[in-house]
Amino acid sequence: SYGGMLTFIPLYARSLGLASVTSLFFVVFALIIIVTR
């Protein structure tokens, strides 16, 4: 499931007009992992 997310999140975000902020998704994703670990 994670691999599917990595592969297509750029395309999915672009289809929603959010391509310029896709990197913020991964920042939040990583921060939550670090804080909750």
PDB file of all heavy atoms in Angstrom:
ATOM      1  N   SER A   1       0.829  -1.206   0.000  1.00  0.00           N
ATOM      2  CA  SER A   1       0.000   0.000   0.000  1.00  0.00           C
ATOM      3  C   SER A   1       0.862   1.254   0.000  1.00  0.00           C
ATOM      4  O   SER A   1       0.578   2.223  -0.707  1.00  0.00           O
ATOM      5  CB  SER A   1      -0.925   0.002   1.225  1.00  0.00           C
ATOM      6  OG  SER A   1      -1.800  -1.101   1.206  1.00  0.00           O
ATOM      7  N   TYR A   2       1.931   1.227   0.798  1.00  0.00           N
ATOM      8  CA  TYR A   2       2.836   2.373   0.871  1.00  0.00           C
ATOM      9  C   TYR A   2       3.514   2.621  -0.481  1.00  0.00           C
ATOM     10  O   TYR A   2       3.682   3.771  -0.911  1.00  0.00           O
ATOM     11  CB  TYR A   2       3.882   2.125   1.951  1.00  0.00           C
ATOM     12  CG  TYR A   2       4.922   3.211   2.080  1.00  0.00           C
ATOM     13  CD1 TYR A   2       4.584   4.479   2.546  1.00  0.00           C
ATOM     14  CD2 TYR A   2       6.256   2.968   1.738  1.00  0.00           C
ATOM     15  CE1 TYR A   2       5.544   5.472   2.677  1.00  0.00           C
ATOM     16  CE2 TYR A   2       7.216   3.956   1.866  1.00  0.00           C
ATOM     17  CZ  TYR A   2       6.852   5.206   2.338  1.00  0.00           C
ATOM     18  OH  TYR A   2       7.797   6.184   2.454  1.00  0.00           O
ATOM     19  N   GLY A   3       3.903   1.531  -1.164  1.00  0.00           N
ATOM     20  CA  GLY A   3       4.519   1.661  -2.483  1.00  0.00           C
ATOM     21  C   GLY A   3       3.578   2.291  -3.494  1.00  0.00           C
ATOM     22  O   GLY A   3       3.993   3.094  -4.336  1.00  0.00           O
ATOM     23  N   GLY A   4       2.286   1.928  -3.411  1.00  0.00           N
ATOM     24  CA  GLY A   4       1.310   2.565  -4.282  1.00  0.00           C
ATOM     25  C   GLY A   4       1.207   4.054  -4.019  1.00  0.00           C
ATOM     26  O   GLY A   4       1.098   4.869  -4.950  1.00  0.00           O
ATOM     27  N   MET A   5       1.265   4.423  -2.745  1.00  0.00           N
ATOM     28  CA  MET A   5       1.209   5.844  -2.380  1.00  0.00           C
ATOM     29  C   MET A   5       2.423   6.591  -2.931  1.00  0.00           C
ATOM     30  O   MET A   5       2.291   7.670  -3.514  1.00  0.00           O
ATOM     31  CB  MET A   5       1.151   5.980  -0.857  1.00  0.00           C
ATOM     32  CG  MET A   5       1.072   7.411  -0.361  1.00  0.00           C
ATOM     33  SD  MET A   5       1.048   7.495   1.448  1.00  0.00           S
ATOM     34  CE  MET A   5       2.761   7.087   1.814  1.00  0.00           C
ATOM     35  N   LEU A   6       3.618   6.017  -2.754  1.00  0.00           N
ATOM     36  CA  LEU A   6       4.832   6.659  -3.243  1.00  0.00           C
ATOM     37  C   LEU A   6       4.807   6.834  -4.753  1.00  0.00           C
ATOM     38  O   LEU A   6       5.247   7.855  -5.286  1.00  0.00           O
ATOM     39  CB  LEU A   6       6.061   5.821  -2.861  1.00  0.00           C
ATOM     40  CG  LEU A   6       6.584   5.910  -1.434  1.00  0.00           C
ATOM     41  CD1 LEU A   6       7.813   5.026  -1.294  1.00  0.00           C
ATOM     42  CD2 LEU A   6       6.934   7.335  -1.065  1.00  0.00           C
ATOM     43  N   THR A   7       4.289   5.818  -5.449  1.00  0.00           N
ATOM     44  CA  THR A   7       4.320   5.829  -6.903  1.00  0.00           C
ATOM     45  C   THR A   7       3.392   6.875  -7.495  1.00  0.00           C
ATOM     46  O   THR A   7       3.732   7.550  -8.468  1.00  0.00           O
ATOM     47  CB  THR A   7       3.932   4.439  -7.450  1.00  0.00           C
ATOM     48  OG1 THR A   7       4.822   3.457  -6.899  1.00  0.00           O
ATOM     49  CG2 THR A   7       4.029   4.399  -8.968  1.00  0.00           C
ATOM     50  N   PHE A   8       2.223   7.069  -6.892  1.00  0.00           N
ATOM     51  CA  PHE A   8       1.202   7.873  -7.554  1.00  0.00           C
ATOM     52  C   PHE A   8       0.770   9.141  -6.836  1.00  0.00           C
ATOM     53  O   PHE A   8      -0.055   9.887  -7.358  1.00  0.00           O
ATOM     54  CB  PHE A   8      -0.033   7.004  -7.843  1.00  0.00           C
ATOM     55  CG  PHE A   8       0.252   5.916  -8.821  1.00  0.00           C
ATOM     56  CD1 PHE A   8       0.272   4.601  -8.420  1.00  0.00           C
ATOM     57  CD2 PHE A   8       0.546   6.217 -10.139  1.00  0.00           C
ATOM     58  CE1 PHE A   8       0.572   3.592  -9.316  1.00  0.00           C
ATOM     59  CE2 PHE A   8       0.848   5.218 -11.043  1.00  0.00           C
ATOM     60  CZ  PHE A   8       0.859   3.902 -10.640  1.00  0.00           C
ATOM     61  N   ILE A   9       1.338   9.417  -5.682  1.00  0.00           N
ATOM     62  CA  ILE A   9       0.948  10.649  -5.017  1.00  0.00           C
ATOM     63  C   ILE A   9       1.284  11.903  -5.832  1.00  0.00           C
ATOM     64  O   ILE A   9       0.499  12.854  -5.840  1.00  0.00           O
ATOM     65  CB  ILE A   9       1.535  10.745  -3.589  1.00  0.00           C
ATOM     66  CG1 ILE A   9       0.951  11.952  -2.862  1.00  0.00           C
ATOM     67  CG2 ILE A   9       3.039  10.823  -3.617  1.00  0.00           C
ATOM     68  CD1 ILE A   9       1.360  12.063  -1.413  1.00  0.00           C
ATOM     69  N   PRO A  10       2.415  11.948  -6.579  1.00  0.00           N
ATOM     70  CA  PRO A  10       2.646  13.143  -7.400  1.00  0.00           C
ATOM     71  C   PRO A  10       1.565  13.353  -8.454  1.00  0.00           C
ATOM     72  O   PRO A  10       1.102  14.478  -8.674  1.00  0.00           O
ATOM     73  CB  PRO A  10       4.015  12.876  -8.039  1.00  0.00           C
ATOM     74  CG  PRO A  10       4.679  11.901  -7.132  1.00  0.00           C
ATOM     75  CD  PRO A  10       3.568  11.026  -6.634  1.00  0.00           C
ATOM     76  N   LEU A  11       1.150  12.250  -9.109  1.00  0.00           N
ATOM     77  CA  LEU A  11       0.104  12.350 -10.132  1.00  0.00           C
ATOM     78  C   LEU A  11      -1.243  12.713  -9.512  1.00  0.00           C
ATOM     79  O   LEU A  11      -1.997  13.527 -10.054  1.00  0.00           O
ATOM     80  CB  LEU A  11      -0.004  11.024 -10.896  1.00  0.00           C
ATOM     81  CG  LEU A  11       1.231  10.577 -11.681  1.00  0.00           C
ATOM     82  CD1 LEU A  11       1.003   9.206 -12.286  1.00  0.00           C
ATOM     83  CD2 LEU A  11       1.573  11.588 -12.763  1.00  0.00           C
ATOM     84  N   TYR A  12      -1.525  12.094  -8.377  1.00  0.00           N
ATOM     85  CA  TYR A  12      -2.796  12.350  -7.710  1.00  0.00           C
ATOM     86  C   TYR A  12      -2.879  13.797  -7.225  1.00  0.00           C
ATOM     87  O   TYR A  12      -3.889  14.477  -7.410  1.00  0.00           O
ATOM     88  CB  TYR A  12      -2.949  11.383  -6.534  1.00  0.00           C
ATOM     89  CG  TYR A  12      -4.256  11.492  -5.791  1.00  0.00           C
ATOM     90  CD1 TYR A  12      -5.475  11.437  -6.461  1.00  0.00           C
ATOM     91  CD2 TYR A  12      -4.278  11.631  -4.401  1.00  0.00           C
ATOM     92  CE1 TYR A  12      -6.674  11.521  -5.774  1.00  0.00           C
ATOM     93  CE2 TYR A  12      -5.467  11.718  -3.710  1.00  0.00           C
ATOM     94  CZ  TYR A  12      -6.664  11.657  -4.398  1.00  0.00           C
ATOM     95  OH  TYR A  12      -7.848  11.752  -3.714  1.00  0.00           O
ATOM     96  N   ALA A  13      -1.792  14.283  -6.621  1.00  0.00           N
ATOM     97  CA  ALA A  13      -1.774  15.662  -6.135  1.00  0.00           C
ATOM     98  C   ALA A  13      -1.892  16.651  -7.295  1.00  0.00           C
ATOM     99  O   ALA A  13      -2.583  17.676  -7.185  1.00  0.00           O
ATOM    100  CB  ALA A  13      -0.491  15.919  -5.350  1.00  0.00           C
ATOM    101  N   ARG A  14      -1.246  16.325  -8.414  1.00  0.00           N
ATOM    102  CA  ARG A  14      -1.337  17.210  -9.578  1.00  0.00           C
ATOM    103  C   ARG A  14      -2.751  17.267 -10.126  1.00  0.00           C
ATOM    104  O   ARG A  14      -3.236  18.326 -10.530  1.00  0.00           O
ATOM    105  CB  ARG A  14      -0.371  16.742 -10.669  1.00  0.00           C
ATOM    106  CG  ARG A  14      -0.301  17.696 -11.866  1.00  0.00           C
ATOM    107  CD  ARG A  14       0.836  17.325 -12.787  1.00  0.00           C
ATOM    108  NE  ARG A  14       0.677  15.990 -13.356  1.00  0.00           N
ATOM    109  CZ  ARG A  14       1.573  15.393 -14.125  1.00  0.00           C
ATOM    110  NH1 ARG A  14       2.723  16.008 -14.390  1.00  0.00           N
ATOM    111  NH2 ARG A  14       1.354  14.193 -14.606  1.00  0.00           N
ATOM    112  N   SER A  15      -3.454  16.127 -10.106  1.00  0.00           N
ATOM    113  CA  SER A  15      -4.835  16.114 -10.593  1.00  0.00           C
ATOM    114  C   SER A  15      -5.758  16.943  -9.712  1.00  0.00           C
ATOM    115  O   SER A  15      -6.832  17.359 -10.144  1.00  0.00           O
ATOM    116  CB  SER A  15      -5.348  14.667 -10.669  1.00  0.00           C
ATOM    117  OG  SER A  15      -5.568  14.135  -9.369  1.00  0.00           O
ATOM    118  N   LEU A  16      -5.338  17.188  -8.469  1.00  0.00           N
ATOM    119  CA  LEU A  16      -6.139  17.990  -7.541  1.00  0.00           C
ATOM    120  C   LEU A  16      -5.651  19.434  -7.459  1.00  0.00           C
ATOM    121  O   LEU A  16      -6.182  20.223  -6.678  1.00  0.00           O
ATOM    122  CB  LEU A  16      -6.083  17.366  -6.140  1.00  0.00           C
ATOM    123  CG  LEU A  16      -6.652  15.944  -5.992  1.00  0.00           C
ATOM    124  CD1 LEU A  16      -6.330  15.395  -4.615  1.00  0.00           C
ATOM    125  CD2 LEU A  16      -8.165  15.945  -6.227  1.00  0.00           C
ATOM    126  N   GLY A  17      -4.619  19.763  -8.259  1.00  0.00           N
ATOM    127  CA  GLY A  17      -4.069  21.113  -8.224  1.00  0.00           C
ATOM    128  C   GLY A  17      -3.197  21.367  -7.013  1.00  0.00           C
ATOM    129  O   GLY A  17      -3.017  22.519  -6.605  1.00  0.00           O
ATOM    130  N   LEU A  18      -2.627  20.309  -6.423  1.00  0.00           N
ATOM    131  CA  LEU A  18      -1.811  20.446  -5.210  1.00  0.00           C
ATOM    132  C   LEU A  18      -0.360  20.017  -5.441  1.00  0.00           C
ATOM    133  O   LEU A  18       0.363  19.709  -4.491  1.00  0.00           O
ATOM    134  CB  LEU A  18      -2.410  19.598  -4.080  1.00  0.00           C
ATOM    135  CG  LEU A  18      -3.835  19.968  -3.632  1.00  0.00           C
ATOM    136  CD1 LEU A  18      -4.372  18.919  -2.666  1.00  0.00           C
ATOM    137  CD2 LEU A  18      -3.847  21.346  -2.991  1.00  0.00           C
ATOM    138  N   ALA A  19       0.074  19.989  -6.700  1.00  0.00           N
ATOM    139  CA  ALA A  19       1.409  19.495  -7.028  1.00  0.00           C
ATOM    140  C   ALA A  19       2.505  20.286  -6.330  1.00  0.00           C
ATOM    141  O   ALA A  19       3.527  19.723  -5.918  1.00  0.00           O
ATOM    142  CB  ALA A  19       1.618  19.536  -8.544  1.00  0.00           C
ATOM    143  N   SER A  20       2.311  21.595  -6.162  1.00  0.00           N
ATOM    144  CA  SER A  20       3.363  22.445  -5.599  1.00  0.00           C
ATOM    145  C   SER A  20       3.585  22.213  -4.108  1.00  0.00           C
ATOM    146  O   SER A  20       4.608  22.643  -3.555  1.00  0.00           O
ATOM    147  CB  SER A  20       3.033  23.922  -5.840  1.00  0.00           C
ATOM    148  OG  SER A  20       1.820  24.270  -5.204  1.00  0.00           O
ATOM    149  N   VAL A  21       2.657  21.545  -3.440  1.00  0.00           N
ATOM    150  CA  VAL A  21       2.782  21.337  -1.989  1.00  0.00           C
ATOM    151  C   VAL A  21       2.873  19.853  -1.632  1.00  0.00           C
ATOM    152  O   VAL A  21       2.702  19.487  -0.470  1.00  0.00           O
ATOM    153  CB  VAL A  21       1.593  21.986  -1.241  1.00  0.00           C
ATOM    154  CG1 VAL A  21       1.657  23.494  -1.347  1.00  0.00           C
ATOM    155  CG2 VAL A  21       0.256  21.468  -1.765  1.00  0.00           C
ATOM    156  N   THR A  22       3.152  19.016  -2.621  1.00  0.00           N
ATOM    157  CA  THR A  22       3.244  17.576  -2.358  1.00  0.00           C
ATOM    158  C   THR A  22       4.314  17.256  -1.321  1.00  0.00           C
ATOM    159  O   THR A  22       4.141  16.353  -0.490  1.00  0.00           O
ATOM    160  CB  THR A  22       3.553  16.812  -3.662  1.00  0.00           C
ATOM    161  OG1 THR A  22       2.596  17.157  -4.657  1.00  0.00           O
ATOM    162  CG2 THR A  22       3.510  15.308  -3.434  1.00  0.00           C
ATOM    163  N   SER A  23       5.424  17.995  -1.350  1.00  0.00           N
ATOM    164  CA  SER A  23       6.518  17.729  -0.402  1.00  0.00           C
ATOM    165  C   SER A  23       6.074  17.900   1.044  1.00  0.00           C
ATOM    166  O   SER A  23       6.590  17.220   1.942  1.00  0.00           O
ATOM    167  CB  SER A  23       7.703  18.650  -0.692  1.00  0.00           C
ATOM    168  OG  SER A  23       7.318  20.005  -0.596  1.00  0.00           O
ATOM    169  N   LEU A  24       5.098  18.797   1.287  1.00  0.00           N
ATOM    170  CA  LEU A  24       4.605  18.999   2.649  1.00  0.00           C
ATOM    171  C   LEU A  24       3.940  17.736   3.192  1.00  0.00           C
ATOM    172  O   LEU A  24       3.975  17.481   4.392  1.00  0.00           O
ATOM    173  CB  LEU A  24       3.624  20.171   2.692  1.00  0.00           C
ATOM    174  CG  LEU A  24       4.209  21.558   2.421  1.00  0.00           C
ATOM    175  CD1 LEU A  24       3.100  22.614   2.438  1.00  0.00           C
ATOM    176  CD2 LEU A  24       5.279  21.898   3.454  1.00  0.00           C
ATOM    177  N   PHE A  25       3.337  16.971   2.302  1.00  0.00           N
ATOM    178  CA  PHE A  25       2.720  15.708   2.710  1.00  0.00           C
ATOM    179  C   PHE A  25       3.756  14.805   3.362  1.00  0.00           C
ATOM    180  O   PHE A  25       3.524  14.240   4.434  1.00  0.00           O
ATOM    181  CB  PHE A  25       2.095  15.020   1.492  1.00  0.00           C
ATOM    182  CG  PHE A  25       1.582  13.626   1.765  1.00  0.00           C
ATOM    183  CD1 PHE A  25       0.272  13.418   2.173  1.00  0.00           C
ATOM    184  CD2 PHE A  25       2.412  12.520   1.613  1.00  0.00           C
ATOM    185  CE1 PHE A  25      -0.199  12.134   2.434  1.00  0.00           C
ATOM    186  CE2 PHE A  25       1.957  11.241   1.870  1.00  0.00           C
ATOM    187  CZ  PHE A  25       0.648  11.046   2.277  1.00  0.00           C
ATOM    188  N   PHE A  26       4.930  14.668   2.725  1.00  0.00           N
ATOM    189  CA  PHE A  26       5.969  13.784   3.244  1.00  0.00           C
ATOM    190  C   PHE A  26       6.621  14.344   4.500  1.00  0.00           C
ATOM    191  O   PHE A  26       7.065  13.581   5.364  1.00  0.00           O
ATOM    192  CB  PHE A  26       7.017  13.526   2.160  1.00  0.00           C
ATOM    193  CG  PHE A  26       6.513  12.650   1.047  1.00  0.00           C
ATOM    194  CD1 PHE A  26       6.162  13.185  -0.179  1.00  0.00           C
ATOM    195  CD2 PHE A  26       6.365  11.289   1.236  1.00  0.00           C
ATOM    196  CE1 PHE A  26       5.683  12.381  -1.200  1.00  0.00           C
ATOM    197  CE2 PHE A  26       5.892  10.468   0.225  1.00  0.00           C
ATOM    198  CZ  PHE A  26       5.552  11.017  -0.997  1.00  0.00           C
ATOM    199  N   VAL A  27       6.681  15.663   4.610  1.00  0.00           N
ATOM    200  CA  VAL A  27       7.207  16.278   5.832  1.00  0.00           C
ATOM    201  C   VAL A  27       6.326  15.922   7.023  1.00  0.00           C
ATOM    202  O   VAL A  27       6.803  15.496   8.079  1.00  0.00           O
ATOM    203  CB  VAL A  27       7.319  17.812   5.670  1.00  0.00           C
ATOM    204  CG1 VAL A  27       7.661  18.456   7.010  1.00  0.00           C
ATOM    205  CG2 VAL A  27       8.364  18.169   4.632  1.00  0.00           C
ATOM    206  N   VAL A  28       5.006  16.090   6.862  1.00  0.00           N
ATOM    207  CA  VAL A  28       4.066  15.755   7.932  1.00  0.00           C
ATOM    208  C   VAL A  28       4.094  14.261   8.219  1.00  0.00           C
ATOM    209  O   VAL A  28       4.102  13.833   9.377  1.00  0.00           O
ATOM    210  CB  VAL A  28       2.633  16.204   7.549  1.00  0.00           C
ATOM    211  CG1 VAL A  28       1.612  15.696   8.557  1.00  0.00           C
ATOM    212  CG2 VAL A  28       2.562  17.726   7.447  1.00  0.00           C
ATOM    213  N   PHE A  29       4.124  13.459   7.160  1.00  0.00           N
ATOM    214  CA  PHE A  29       4.182  11.999   7.271  1.00  0.00           C
ATOM    215  C   PHE A  29       5.375  11.584   8.140  1.00  0.00           C
ATOM    216  O   PHE A  29       5.242  10.780   9.068  1.00  0.00           O
ATOM    217  CB  PHE A  29       4.295  11.411   5.861  1.00  0.00           C
ATOM    218  CG  PHE A  29       4.295   9.907   5.797  1.00  0.00           C
ATOM    219  CD1 PHE A  29       3.105   9.199   5.728  1.00  0.00           C
ATOM    220  CD2 PHE A  29       5.480   9.196   5.769  1.00  0.00           C
ATOM    221  CE1 PHE A  29       3.094   7.813   5.645  1.00  0.00           C
ATOM    222  CE2 PHE A  29       5.495   7.813   5.689  1.00  0.00           C
ATOM    223  CZ  PHE A  29       4.295   7.122   5.622  1.00  0.00           C
ATOM    224  N   ALA A  30       6.557  12.148   7.848  1.00  0.00           N
ATOM    225  CA  ALA A  30       7.769  11.789   8.589  1.00  0.00           C
ATOM    226  C   ALA A  30       7.743  12.321  10.015  1.00  0.00           C
ATOM    227  O   ALA A  30       8.162  11.630  10.952  1.00  0.00           O
ATOM    228  CB  ALA A  30       8.998  12.326   7.851  1.00  0.00           C
ATOM    229  N   LEU A  31       7.257  13.548  10.199  1.00  0.00           N
ATOM    230  CA  LEU A  31       7.221  14.135  11.536  1.00  0.00           C
ATOM    231  C   LEU A  31       6.337  13.333  12.484  1.00  0.00           C
ATOM    232  O   LEU A  31       6.693  13.119  13.651  1.00  0.00           O
ATOM    233  CB  LEU A  31       6.726  15.584  11.464  1.00  0.00           C
ATOM    234  CG  LEU A  31       7.740  16.626  10.990  1.00  0.00           C
ATOM    235  CD1 LEU A  31       7.080  17.994  10.863  1.00  0.00           C
ATOM    236  CD2 LEU A  31       8.929  16.706  11.937  1.00  0.00           C
ATOM    237  N   ILE A  32       5.201  12.873  11.995  1.00  0.00           N
ATOM    238  CA  ILE A  32       4.300  12.076  12.833  1.00  0.00           C
ATOM    239  C   ILE A  32       4.975  10.769  13.243  1.00  0.00           C
ATOM    240  O   ILE A  32       4.858  10.323  14.393  1.00  0.00           O
ATOM    241  CB  ILE A  32       2.977  11.799  12.092  1.00  0.00           C
ATOM    242  CG1 ILE A  32       2.179  13.089  11.925  1.00  0.00           C
ATOM    243  CG2 ILE A  32       2.146  10.761  12.830  1.00  0.00           C
ATOM    244  CD1 ILE A  32       1.752  13.737  13.224  1.00  0.00           C
ATOM    245  N   ILE A  33       5.687  10.142  12.315  1.00  0.00           N
ATOM    246  CA  ILE A  33       6.408   8.907  12.637  1.00  0.00           C
ATOM    247  C   ILE A  33       7.434   9.157  13.740  1.00  0.00           C
ATOM    248  O   ILE A  33       7.544   8.389  14.701  1.00  0.00           O
ATOM    249  CB  ILE A  33       7.092   8.340  11.377  1.00  0.00           C
ATOM    250  CG1 ILE A  33       6.043   7.824  10.388  1.00  0.00           C
ATOM    251  CG2 ILE A  33       8.050   7.199  11.753  1.00  0.00           C
ATOM    252  CD1 ILE A  33       6.626   7.347   9.075  1.00  0.00           C
ATOM    253  N   ILE A  34       8.185  10.252  13.605  1.00  0.00           N
ATOM    254  CA  ILE A  34       9.233  10.572  14.580  1.00  0.00           C
ATOM    255  C   ILE A  34       8.641  10.868  15.958  1.00  0.00           C
ATOM    256  O   ILE A  34       9.118  10.365  16.982  1.00  0.00           O
ATOM    257  CB  ILE A  34      10.058  11.777  14.086  1.00  0.00           C
ATOM    258  CG1 ILE A  34      10.845  11.390  12.828  1.00  0.00           C
ATOM    259  CG2 ILE A  34      11.015  12.263  15.179  1.00  0.00           C
ATOM    260  CD1 ILE A  34      11.497  12.570  12.130  1.00  0.00           C
ATOM    261  N   VAL A  35       7.580  11.655  15.986  1.00  0.00           N
ATOM    262  CA  VAL A  35       6.987  12.079  17.261  1.00  0.00           C
ATOM    263  C   VAL A  35       6.342  10.909  17.997  1.00  0.00           C
ATOM    264  O   VAL A  35       6.430  10.799  19.223  1.00  0.00           O
ATOM    265  CB  VAL A  35       5.953  13.203  17.014  1.00  0.00           C
ATOM    266  CG1 VAL A  35       5.161  13.490  18.289  1.00  0.00           C
ATOM    267  CG2 VAL A  35       6.650  14.469  16.547  1.00  0.00           C
ATOM    268  N   THR A  36       5.695  10.010  17.261  1.00  0.00           N
ATOM    269  CA  THR A  36       4.954   8.919  17.904  1.00  0.00           C
ATOM    270  C   THR A  36       5.797   7.676  18.162  1.00  0.00           C
ATOM    271  O   THR A  36       5.363   6.788  18.905  1.00  0.00           O
ATOM    272  CB  THR A  36       3.733   8.513  17.047  1.00  0.00           C
ATOM    273  OG1 THR A  36       4.195   8.081  15.742  1.00  0.00           O
ATOM    274  CG2 THR A  36       2.786   9.692  16.873  1.00  0.00           C
ATOM    275  N   ARG A  37       6.990   7.581  17.579  1.00  0.00           N
ATOM    276  CA  ARG A  37       7.782   6.359  17.689  1.00  0.00           C
ATOM    277  C   ARG A  37       8.100   5.954  19.130  1.00  0.00           C
ATOM    278  O   ARG A  37       7.982   4.768  19.481  1.00  0.00           O
ATOM    279  CB  ARG A  37       9.061   6.514  16.864  1.00  0.00           C
ATOM    280  CG  ARG A  37       9.933   5.268  16.756  1.00  0.00           C
ATOM    281  CD  ARG A  37       9.184   4.055  16.208  1.00  0.00           C
ATOM    282  NE  ARG A  37       8.491   4.268  14.980  1.00  0.00           N
ATOM    283  CZ  ARG A  37       9.030   4.184  13.763  1.00  0.00           C
ATOM    284  NH1 ARG A  37      10.306   3.910  13.621  1.00  0.00           N
ATOM    285  NH2 ARG A  37       8.278   4.355  12.700  1.00  0.00           N
TER     286      ARG A  37
END
